[in-house]
Amino acid sequence: MVTEDLFIPYTVPGAIGEIRAKMRVLGESYDGKGSTLKVRAPKELIDRFITRFGLKNS
């Protein structure tokens, strides 16, 4: 298990719902471009989400 910050732009539909369903969300913040979620999950799962949704680690 690892802890990472993921930035999810508002233009990416469905990502936050799936993250909430499959990972533990430790915190969140918002700005004009999107949400940053601090998540805890297996590294492989986080890597799959990053690839699938084209996300960036913060």
Protein backbone atom coordinates (compact mmCIF):
# COMPACT_ATOMS: atom_id res chain seq x y z
CA MET A 1 0.00 0.00 0.00
CA VAL A 2 1.19 3.49 -0.85
CA THR A 3 -0.13 6.99 -0.31
CA GLU A 4 -0.24 9.36 -3.29
CA ASP A 5 -1.83 12.64 -4.32
CA LEU A 6 -3.78 12.40 -7.57
CA PHE A 7 -4.94 15.45 -9.49
CA ILE A 8 -8.24 14.84 -11.29
CA PRO A 9 -9.29 17.57 -13.74
CA TYR A 10 -12.99 18.42 -13.80
CA THR A 11 -12.96 17.33 -17.46
CA VAL A 12 -12.37 13.66 -16.53
CA PRO A 13 -15.79 12.08 -15.90
CA GLY A 14 -16.16 9.09 -13.59
CA ALA A 15 -12.65 9.06 -12.14
CA ILE A 16 -13.51 10.37 -8.68
CA GLY A 17 -16.39 7.91 -8.25
CA GLU A 18 -14.18 4.96 -9.13
CA ILE A 19 -11.38 6.18 -6.90
CA ARG A 20 -13.81 6.50 -3.97
CA ALA A 21 -15.12 2.98 -4.64
CA LYS A 22 -11.72 1.27 -4.93
CA MET A 23 -9.24 3.31 -2.86
CA ARG A 24 -9.16 4.88 0.56
CA VAL A 25 -9.42 8.66 0.23
CA LEU A 26 -7.44 10.34 3.03
CA GLY A 27 -8.06 13.93 2.00
CA GLU A 28 -9.13 16.18 -0.81
CA SER A 29 -8.70 19.72 -2.04
CA TYR A 30 -10.14 21.67 -4.94
CA ASP A 31 -9.14 24.50 -7.24
CA GLY A 32 -10.44 26.01 -10.45
CA LYS A 33 -9.10 23.18 -12.60
CA GLY A 34 -9.94 20.06 -10.61
CA SER A 35 -9.62 18.04 -7.43
CA THR A 36 -6.56 16.64 -5.71
CA LEU A 37 -7.23 13.48 -3.74
CA LYS A 38 -4.76 11.95 -1.30
CA VAL A 39 -5.36 8.21 -1.66
CA ARG A 40 -4.05 5.01 -0.11
CA ALA A 41 -4.13 1.85 -2.20
CA PRO A 42 -1.88 -0.81 -3.72
CA LYS A 43 0.68 0.81 -6.07
CA GLU A 44 -0.53 -1.34 -8.98
CA LEU A 45 -4.11 -0.08 -8.60
CA ILE A 46 -3.01 3.55 -8.49
CA ASP A 47 -0.83 3.03 -11.57
CA ARG A 48 -3.77 1.49 -13.48
CA PHE A 49 -6.00 4.48 -12.65
CA ILE A 50 -3.29 6.95 -13.67
CA THR A 51 -2.95 5.20 -17.03
CA ARG A 52 -6.67 4.63 -17.60
CA PHE A 53 -7.75 8.20 -16.89
CA GLY A 54 -4.55 9.95 -18.03
CA LEU A 55 -4.02 11.40 -14.55
CA LYS A 56 -0.93 12.99 -13.02
CA ASN A 57 0.57 12.47 -9.59
CA SER A 58 0.72 15.73 -7.67
